[in-house]
Each structure stands twice: as C-alpha cells, then as structure tokens.
Amino acid sequence: MRGLAATAALLALAACTPPQVATSTCPAPLKPAVEVDLFFGGEAGNGRAVSEAEWASFMAEEVTPRFPDGLSVIDVAGQYREPSGRLVREKTKLIVVVIFDAPAHLSRVQAVIDAYSRRHNQNSVFRTEHAVCAGG
C-alpha cells in the first residue's frame, strides 16, 4: 500500500515497541505466542500490479526461509486514504504468522518488509501484532 504517512508513523512506532506475548495462562495444549499480520499492497510503485509469479518468488526467497514453520497467505481487498485525500483500493496479500519466539522474530519480520519494499517500490507494509494463545 503506497503513501499513507499515518501508516508509516504507526509502523515506526510498532518497530520500536516489542510485542507482548500472552501473559495470561493459556489452556493446554495452547502456548503464549504473538500473531503477526502483514498487509502487502498488490500494486508496485510504478502503478503495475505485482504478478502471482513475482509474489511466489518473494515468498520462496524472502518469507518462507525466515518463517519455515508455517504461515497463512490470504487474498484481501485493501483500501487506504492517501495524504491528498484520494481513496485507493488495491488487491492485497495478507500474511499471518504465529510466533513462539517473541521478540526474536522482530528482525525477521523487518527483513521481509524491507525486501518487499525494495522489490516493489512500496512506501510501507501495514503490520499488526497481538498476543494470542496458540497451538495445534
């Protein structure tokens, strides 16, 4: 997703604040973890759509090696408002990964964000993190 200064400010704050692992006792067999949600805009900085082949390459080269234990990728319809006020809608990929080694994951998440930004001339990747109880 391009533009959005507020998003960049939130991302900068999130990068400085370590996520909290679930502090409450998780019912067995679940364990405390952090869910990381990354929203990748489907339009490259030049206005061209990121192809499925480019996405697959990004996943194989940047994401899977950093999160080999598993994750989910979901196609979503994203939208945001640019600072100019223009509403932008674009196809978006959402990666959901559950982390059991928080905060050791922070550098891996940032490396994925940086790689996508470089490859596709993106100004930001929207990111959320929250504590969960997880297991399978």
N, C-alpha and C. Protein backbone atom coordinates (compact mmCIF):
# COMPACT_ATOMS: atom_id res chain seq x y z
N MET A 1 0.85 -1.15 0.00
CA MET A 1 0.00 0.00 0.00
C MET A 1 0.90 1.21 0.00
N ARG A 2 0.66 2.12 -0.87
CA ARG A 2 1.56 3.25 -1.07
C ARG A 2 1.10 4.45 -0.28
N GLY A 3 2.03 5.35 0.03
CA GLY A 3 1.67 6.62 0.63
C GLY A 3 1.47 6.54 2.12
N LEU A 4 0.40 6.97 2.54
CA LEU A 4 -0.14 6.99 3.90
C LEU A 4 0.89 7.22 4.99
N ALA A 5 1.13 8.50 5.28
CA ALA A 5 2.10 8.89 6.30
C ALA A 5 1.71 8.35 7.67
N ALA A 6 0.43 8.30 7.96
CA ALA A 6 -0.01 7.78 9.25
C ALA A 6 0.39 6.32 9.41
N THR A 7 0.28 5.56 8.33
CA THR A 7 0.67 4.16 8.38
C THR A 7 2.16 4.04 8.68
N ALA A 8 2.96 4.87 8.02
CA ALA A 8 4.40 4.84 8.25
C ALA A 8 4.72 5.18 9.70
N ALA A 9 4.01 6.14 10.27
CA ALA A 9 4.25 6.52 11.65
C ALA A 9 3.89 5.37 12.59
N LEU A 10 2.77 4.71 12.32
CA LEU A 10 2.37 3.56 13.14
C LEU A 10 3.38 2.44 13.03
N LEU A 11 3.89 2.21 11.82
CA LEU A 11 4.87 1.14 11.63
C LEU A 11 6.16 1.46 12.37
N ALA A 12 6.57 2.72 12.34
CA ALA A 12 7.78 3.11 13.05
C ALA A 12 7.60 2.88 14.55
N LEU A 13 6.44 3.24 15.07
CA LEU A 13 6.16 3.02 16.48
C LEU A 13 6.14 1.53 16.80
N ALA A 14 5.51 0.74 15.94
CA ALA A 14 5.44 -0.71 16.17
C ALA A 14 6.83 -1.34 16.15
N ALA A 15 7.70 -0.84 15.28
CA ALA A 15 9.04 -1.39 15.19
C ALA A 15 9.85 -1.11 16.45
N CYS A 16 9.51 -0.04 17.16
CA CYS A 16 10.23 0.34 18.37
C CYS A 16 9.66 -0.32 19.61
N THR A 17 8.46 -0.83 19.53
CA THR A 17 7.79 -1.40 20.69
C THR A 17 7.73 -2.92 20.56
N PRO A 18 8.42 -3.65 21.44
CA PRO A 18 8.36 -5.09 21.33
C PRO A 18 6.94 -5.58 21.60
N PRO A 19 6.48 -6.56 20.84
CA PRO A 19 5.13 -7.08 21.06
C PRO A 19 5.05 -7.82 22.38
N GLN A 20 3.88 -7.87 22.93
CA GLN A 20 3.66 -8.57 24.17
C GLN A 20 3.20 -10.00 23.89
N VAL A 21 3.79 -10.94 24.54
CA VAL A 21 3.34 -12.33 24.46
C VAL A 21 2.20 -12.46 25.45
N ALA A 22 1.25 -13.31 25.14
CA ALA A 22 0.10 -13.51 26.02
C ALA A 22 0.61 -13.77 27.44
N THR A 23 0.19 -12.94 28.38
CA THR A 23 0.67 -13.08 29.75
C THR A 23 -0.26 -13.96 30.58
N SER A 24 -1.50 -14.09 30.15
CA SER A 24 -2.40 -14.96 30.89
C SER A 24 -2.03 -16.41 30.61
N THR A 25 -2.45 -17.25 31.48
CA THR A 25 -2.19 -18.67 31.30
C THR A 25 -3.04 -19.19 30.14
N CYS A 26 -2.39 -19.82 29.22
CA CYS A 26 -3.09 -20.40 28.08
C CYS A 26 -3.55 -21.81 28.44
N PRO A 27 -4.78 -22.16 28.09
CA PRO A 27 -5.25 -23.51 28.39
C PRO A 27 -4.48 -24.54 27.55
N ALA A 28 -4.10 -25.63 28.17
CA ALA A 28 -3.38 -26.70 27.47
C ALA A 28 -4.27 -27.23 26.34
N PRO A 29 -3.71 -27.49 25.21
CA PRO A 29 -2.29 -27.55 24.86
C PRO A 29 -1.76 -26.26 24.25
N LEU A 30 -2.51 -25.16 24.36
CA LEU A 30 -2.09 -23.90 23.77
C LEU A 30 -0.95 -23.27 24.55
N LYS A 31 -0.14 -22.45 23.84
CA LYS A 31 1.01 -21.77 24.44
C LYS A 31 0.94 -20.29 24.11
N PRO A 32 1.55 -19.42 24.94
CA PRO A 32 1.60 -18.00 24.63
C PRO A 32 2.40 -17.77 23.33
N ALA A 33 1.89 -16.87 22.50
CA ALA A 33 2.54 -16.56 21.22
C ALA A 33 2.16 -15.15 20.79
N VAL A 34 2.72 -14.72 19.66
CA VAL A 34 2.39 -13.44 19.04
C VAL A 34 1.92 -13.72 17.63
N GLU A 35 0.78 -13.15 17.25
CA GLU A 35 0.33 -13.23 15.85
C GLU A 35 0.77 -11.96 15.14
N VAL A 36 1.45 -12.14 14.02
CA VAL A 36 1.91 -11.03 13.19
C VAL A 36 1.10 -11.06 11.91
N ASP A 37 0.49 -9.93 11.57
CA ASP A 37 -0.28 -9.78 10.33
C ASP A 37 0.42 -8.73 9.48
N LEU A 38 0.78 -9.11 8.26
CA LEU A 38 1.47 -8.20 7.33
C LEU A 38 0.61 -8.04 6.08
N PHE A 39 0.29 -6.80 5.72
CA PHE A 39 -0.55 -6.49 4.57
C PHE A 39 0.33 -5.90 3.47
N PHE A 40 0.43 -6.63 2.34
CA PHE A 40 1.29 -6.25 1.23
C PHE A 40 0.42 -5.74 0.08
N GLY A 41 0.57 -4.47 -0.26
CA GLY A 41 -0.17 -3.91 -1.39
C GLY A 41 0.22 -4.59 -2.68
N GLY A 42 -0.78 -4.83 -3.53
CA GLY A 42 -0.55 -5.55 -4.77
C GLY A 42 -0.16 -4.70 -5.95
N GLU A 43 0.02 -3.40 -5.73
CA GLU A 43 0.42 -2.52 -6.81
C GLU A 43 1.86 -2.07 -6.56
N ALA A 44 2.72 -2.31 -7.52
CA ALA A 44 4.11 -1.86 -7.41
C ALA A 44 4.15 -0.34 -7.51
N GLY A 45 5.24 0.25 -7.07
CA GLY A 45 5.37 1.70 -7.06
C GLY A 45 5.19 2.36 -8.41
N ASN A 46 5.37 1.62 -9.48
CA ASN A 46 5.21 2.19 -10.82
C ASN A 46 3.78 2.06 -11.34
N GLY A 47 2.85 1.64 -10.48
CA GLY A 47 1.46 1.50 -10.88
C GLY A 47 1.11 0.17 -11.50
N ARG A 48 2.09 -0.70 -11.68
CA ARG A 48 1.89 -2.03 -12.25
C ARG A 48 1.56 -3.00 -11.14
N ALA A 49 0.64 -3.93 -11.41
CA ALA A 49 0.28 -4.94 -10.42
C ALA A 49 1.44 -5.91 -10.20
N VAL A 50 1.63 -6.32 -8.95
CA VAL A 50 2.60 -7.36 -8.63
C VAL A 50 2.00 -8.68 -9.11
N SER A 51 2.69 -9.38 -9.98
CA SER A 51 2.15 -10.63 -10.56
C SER A 51 2.20 -11.77 -9.54
N GLU A 52 1.43 -12.81 -9.82
CA GLU A 52 1.45 -14.00 -8.96
C GLU A 52 2.83 -14.65 -9.00
N ALA A 53 3.51 -14.61 -10.14
CA ALA A 53 4.86 -15.18 -10.23
C ALA A 53 5.84 -14.37 -9.36
N GLU A 54 5.71 -13.05 -9.37
CA GLU A 54 6.56 -12.22 -8.52
C GLU A 54 6.28 -12.49 -7.04
N TRP A 55 5.00 -12.64 -6.70
CA TRP A 55 4.64 -12.94 -5.31
C TRP A 55 5.22 -14.30 -4.90
N ALA A 56 5.09 -15.30 -5.75
CA ALA A 56 5.61 -16.63 -5.45
C ALA A 56 7.13 -16.59 -5.24
N SER A 57 7.82 -15.82 -6.05
CA SER A 57 9.26 -15.67 -5.91
C SER A 57 9.60 -15.00 -4.58
N PHE A 58 8.87 -13.95 -4.23
CA PHE A 58 9.08 -13.25 -2.96
C PHE A 58 8.86 -14.22 -1.78
N MET A 59 7.79 -15.01 -1.85
CA MET A 59 7.52 -15.97 -0.78
C MET A 59 8.66 -16.97 -0.65
N ALA A 60 9.10 -17.52 -1.78
CA ALA A 60 10.14 -18.56 -1.77
C ALA A 60 11.50 -18.03 -1.31
N GLU A 61 11.82 -16.81 -1.71
CA GLU A 61 13.15 -16.27 -1.43
C GLU A 61 13.25 -15.50 -0.12
N GLU A 62 12.17 -14.85 0.31
CA GLU A 62 12.24 -13.95 1.46
C GLU A 62 11.44 -14.40 2.68
N VAL A 63 10.23 -14.90 2.45
CA VAL A 63 9.34 -15.18 3.57
C VAL A 63 9.54 -16.59 4.14
N THR A 64 9.41 -17.60 3.30
CA THR A 64 9.49 -18.98 3.78
C THR A 64 10.81 -19.29 4.49
N PRO A 65 11.96 -18.83 3.98
CA PRO A 65 13.21 -19.11 4.71
C PRO A 65 13.24 -18.48 6.11
N ARG A 66 12.53 -17.38 6.29
CA ARG A 66 12.53 -16.72 7.60
C ARG A 66 11.48 -17.28 8.55
N PHE A 67 10.43 -17.90 7.98
CA PHE A 67 9.35 -18.47 8.78
C PHE A 67 9.02 -19.88 8.27
N PRO A 68 9.97 -20.80 8.39
CA PRO A 68 9.80 -22.13 7.80
C PRO A 68 8.76 -23.00 8.51
N ASP A 69 8.37 -22.64 9.73
CA ASP A 69 7.44 -23.48 10.48
C ASP A 69 5.99 -23.33 10.03
N GLY A 70 5.70 -22.32 9.20
CA GLY A 70 4.36 -22.18 8.67
C GLY A 70 3.78 -20.79 8.81
N LEU A 71 2.84 -20.51 7.95
CA LEU A 71 2.15 -19.23 7.91
C LEU A 71 0.96 -19.38 6.98
N SER A 72 0.13 -18.36 6.93
CA SER A 72 -1.01 -18.35 6.00
C SER A 72 -0.92 -17.11 5.14
N VAL A 73 -1.34 -17.25 3.88
CA VAL A 73 -1.43 -16.13 2.96
C VAL A 73 -2.88 -16.05 2.50
N ILE A 74 -3.45 -14.85 2.63
CA ILE A 74 -4.85 -14.64 2.30
C ILE A 74 -4.94 -13.48 1.31
N ASP A 75 -5.73 -13.66 0.24
CA ASP A 75 -6.01 -12.57 -0.69
C ASP A 75 -7.12 -11.71 -0.10
N VAL A 76 -6.86 -10.41 0.02
CA VAL A 76 -7.86 -9.49 0.57
C VAL A 76 -7.99 -8.28 -0.34
N ALA A 77 -9.09 -7.57 -0.19
CA ALA A 77 -9.31 -6.31 -0.91
C ALA A 77 -8.95 -5.18 0.04
N GLY A 78 -7.85 -4.49 -0.25
CA GLY A 78 -7.39 -3.43 0.64
C GLY A 78 -7.79 -2.06 0.14
N GLN A 79 -7.83 -1.12 1.08
CA GLN A 79 -8.03 0.27 0.70
C GLN A 79 -7.41 1.15 1.77
N TYR A 80 -6.99 2.33 1.35
CA TYR A 80 -6.43 3.32 2.27
C TYR A 80 -6.61 4.69 1.65
N ARG A 81 -6.47 5.72 2.49
CA ARG A 81 -6.59 7.10 2.01
C ARG A 81 -5.20 7.72 1.98
N GLU A 82 -4.83 8.24 0.83
CA GLU A 82 -3.55 8.94 0.69
C GLU A 82 -3.62 10.27 1.42
N PRO A 83 -2.47 10.86 1.74
CA PRO A 83 -2.47 12.17 2.38
C PRO A 83 -3.24 13.23 1.57
N SER A 84 -3.29 13.06 0.25
CA SER A 84 -4.02 14.00 -0.60
C SER A 84 -5.53 13.88 -0.43
N GLY A 85 -5.97 12.80 0.23
CA GLY A 85 -7.40 12.57 0.41
C GLY A 85 -7.98 11.55 -0.56
N ARG A 86 -7.19 11.17 -1.57
CA ARG A 86 -7.66 10.20 -2.56
C ARG A 86 -7.76 8.81 -1.94
N LEU A 87 -8.89 8.14 -2.15
CA LEU A 87 -9.08 6.78 -1.67
C LEU A 87 -8.52 5.81 -2.70
N VAL A 88 -7.65 4.91 -2.25
CA VAL A 88 -7.01 3.95 -3.13
C VAL A 88 -7.47 2.55 -2.72
N ARG A 89 -7.88 1.78 -3.71
CA ARG A 89 -8.25 0.38 -3.50
C ARG A 89 -7.30 -0.48 -4.32
N GLU A 90 -6.82 -1.57 -3.72
CA GLU A 90 -5.94 -2.46 -4.44
C GLU A 90 -6.00 -3.87 -3.86
N LYS A 91 -5.68 -4.83 -4.73
CA LYS A 91 -5.56 -6.20 -4.25
C LYS A 91 -4.39 -6.24 -3.27
N THR A 92 -4.57 -7.01 -2.22
CA THR A 92 -3.59 -7.05 -1.14
C THR A 92 -3.39 -8.50 -0.72
N LYS A 93 -2.18 -8.82 -0.32
CA LYS A 93 -1.87 -10.13 0.25
C LYS A 93 -1.66 -9.93 1.76
N LEU A 94 -2.31 -10.77 2.54
CA LEU A 94 -2.17 -10.76 3.99
C LEU A 94 -1.42 -12.01 4.40
N ILE A 95 -0.29 -11.83 5.06
CA ILE A 95 0.45 -12.95 5.65
C ILE A 95 0.16 -12.95 7.14
N VAL A 96 -0.26 -14.09 7.64
CA VAL A 96 -0.49 -14.29 9.07
C VAL A 96 0.50 -15.34 9.55
N VAL A 97 1.32 -14.95 10.53
CA VAL A 97 2.29 -15.90 11.08
C VAL A 97 2.20 -15.83 12.60
N VAL A 98 2.19 -17.00 13.23
CA VAL A 98 2.16 -17.08 14.69
C VAL A 98 3.57 -17.42 15.16
N ILE A 99 4.06 -16.60 16.09
CA ILE A 99 5.45 -16.66 16.53
C ILE A 99 5.51 -17.13 17.99
N PHE A 100 6.33 -18.13 18.25
CA PHE A 100 6.51 -18.60 19.62
C PHE A 100 7.82 -18.12 20.23
N ASP A 101 8.68 -17.46 19.43
CA ASP A 101 9.98 -17.00 19.94
C ASP A 101 10.06 -15.48 20.01
N ALA A 102 8.96 -14.83 20.38
CA ALA A 102 8.98 -13.37 20.51
C ALA A 102 9.94 -13.00 21.63
N PRO A 103 10.66 -11.90 21.50
CA PRO A 103 10.74 -10.94 20.41
C PRO A 103 11.83 -11.23 19.38
N ALA A 104 12.36 -12.43 19.36
CA ALA A 104 13.43 -12.78 18.42
C ALA A 104 12.99 -12.65 16.97
N HIS A 105 11.70 -12.61 16.72
CA HIS A 105 11.17 -12.55 15.35
C HIS A 105 11.26 -11.15 14.74
N LEU A 106 11.48 -10.13 15.54
CA LEU A 106 11.39 -8.75 15.05
C LEU A 106 12.29 -8.48 13.84
N SER A 107 13.52 -8.95 13.88
CA SER A 107 14.44 -8.69 12.76
C SER A 107 13.99 -9.45 11.51
N ARG A 108 13.42 -10.64 11.68
CA ARG A 108 12.95 -11.41 10.51
C ARG A 108 11.75 -10.73 9.87
N VAL A 109 10.84 -10.23 10.68
CA VAL A 109 9.67 -9.52 10.14
C VAL A 109 10.14 -8.26 9.40
N GLN A 110 11.05 -7.51 9.99
CA GLN A 110 11.52 -6.29 9.34
C GLN A 110 12.26 -6.60 8.05
N ALA A 111 13.00 -7.69 8.00
CA ALA A 111 13.70 -8.08 6.77
C ALA A 111 12.71 -8.39 5.65
N VAL A 112 11.59 -9.04 5.97
CA VAL A 112 10.56 -9.33 4.97
C VAL A 112 9.95 -8.03 4.46
N ILE A 113 9.62 -7.12 5.37
CA ILE A 113 9.05 -5.83 4.98
C ILE A 113 10.01 -5.06 4.09
N ASP A 114 11.27 -5.01 4.50
CA ASP A 114 12.28 -4.27 3.71
C ASP A 114 12.45 -4.88 2.32
N ALA A 115 12.46 -6.21 2.24
CA ALA A 115 12.63 -6.88 0.95
C ALA A 115 11.47 -6.55 0.01
N TYR A 116 10.26 -6.58 0.51
CA TYR A 116 9.10 -6.28 -0.34
C TYR A 116 9.13 -4.82 -0.79
N SER A 117 9.46 -3.94 0.13
CA SER A 117 9.53 -2.52 -0.21
C SER A 117 10.55 -2.25 -1.31
N ARG A 118 11.70 -2.90 -1.21
CA ARG A 118 12.74 -2.74 -2.25
C ARG A 118 12.28 -3.31 -3.58
N ARG A 119 11.76 -4.52 -3.57
CA ARG A 119 11.38 -5.20 -4.81
C ARG A 119 10.27 -4.47 -5.57
N HIS A 120 9.33 -3.90 -4.83
CA HIS A 120 8.13 -3.37 -5.47
C HIS A 120 7.90 -1.88 -5.21
N ASN A 121 8.96 -1.19 -4.80
CA ASN A 121 8.92 0.26 -4.63
C ASN A 121 7.72 0.69 -3.77
N GLN A 122 7.55 0.00 -2.65
CA GLN A 122 6.46 0.31 -1.72
C GLN A 122 6.96 1.27 -0.65
N ASN A 123 6.08 2.17 -0.23
CA ASN A 123 6.42 3.08 0.86
C ASN A 123 6.24 2.42 2.22
N SER A 124 5.34 1.45 2.30
CA SER A 124 5.11 0.78 3.58
C SER A 124 4.43 -0.56 3.37
N VAL A 125 4.53 -1.38 4.39
CA VAL A 125 3.76 -2.61 4.53
C VAL A 125 3.05 -2.47 5.86
N PHE A 126 1.73 -2.56 5.87
CA PHE A 126 0.99 -2.40 7.12
C PHE A 126 1.17 -3.64 7.96
N ARG A 127 1.37 -3.44 9.27
CA ARG A 127 1.71 -4.55 10.17
C ARG A 127 0.95 -4.40 11.48
N THR A 128 0.42 -5.51 11.96
CA THR A 128 -0.16 -5.55 13.31
C THR A 128 0.42 -6.75 14.04
N GLU A 129 0.48 -6.66 15.36
CA GLU A 129 0.92 -7.76 16.20
C GLU A 129 0.07 -7.76 17.46
N HIS A 130 -0.29 -8.96 17.90
CA HIS A 130 -1.01 -9.06 19.16
C HIS A 130 -0.77 -10.43 19.81
N ALA A 131 -0.92 -10.44 21.13
CA ALA A 131 -0.70 -11.65 21.91
C ALA A 131 -1.86 -12.63 21.67
N VAL A 132 -1.51 -13.91 21.56
CA VAL A 132 -2.51 -14.97 21.38
C VAL A 132 -2.07 -16.21 22.16
N CYS A 133 -3.00 -17.10 22.33
CA CYS A 133 -2.71 -18.45 22.79
C CYS A 133 -2.85 -19.32 21.54
N ALA A 134 -1.84 -20.14 21.25
CA ALA A 134 -1.86 -20.89 20.00
C ALA A 134 -1.26 -22.28 20.19
N GLY A 135 -1.57 -23.15 19.28
CA GLY A 135 -1.01 -24.49 19.26
C GLY A 135 -1.82 -25.37 18.33
N GLY A 136 -1.28 -26.48 18.01
CA GLY A 136 -2.01 -27.32 17.08
C GLY A 136 -1.63 -28.77 17.20
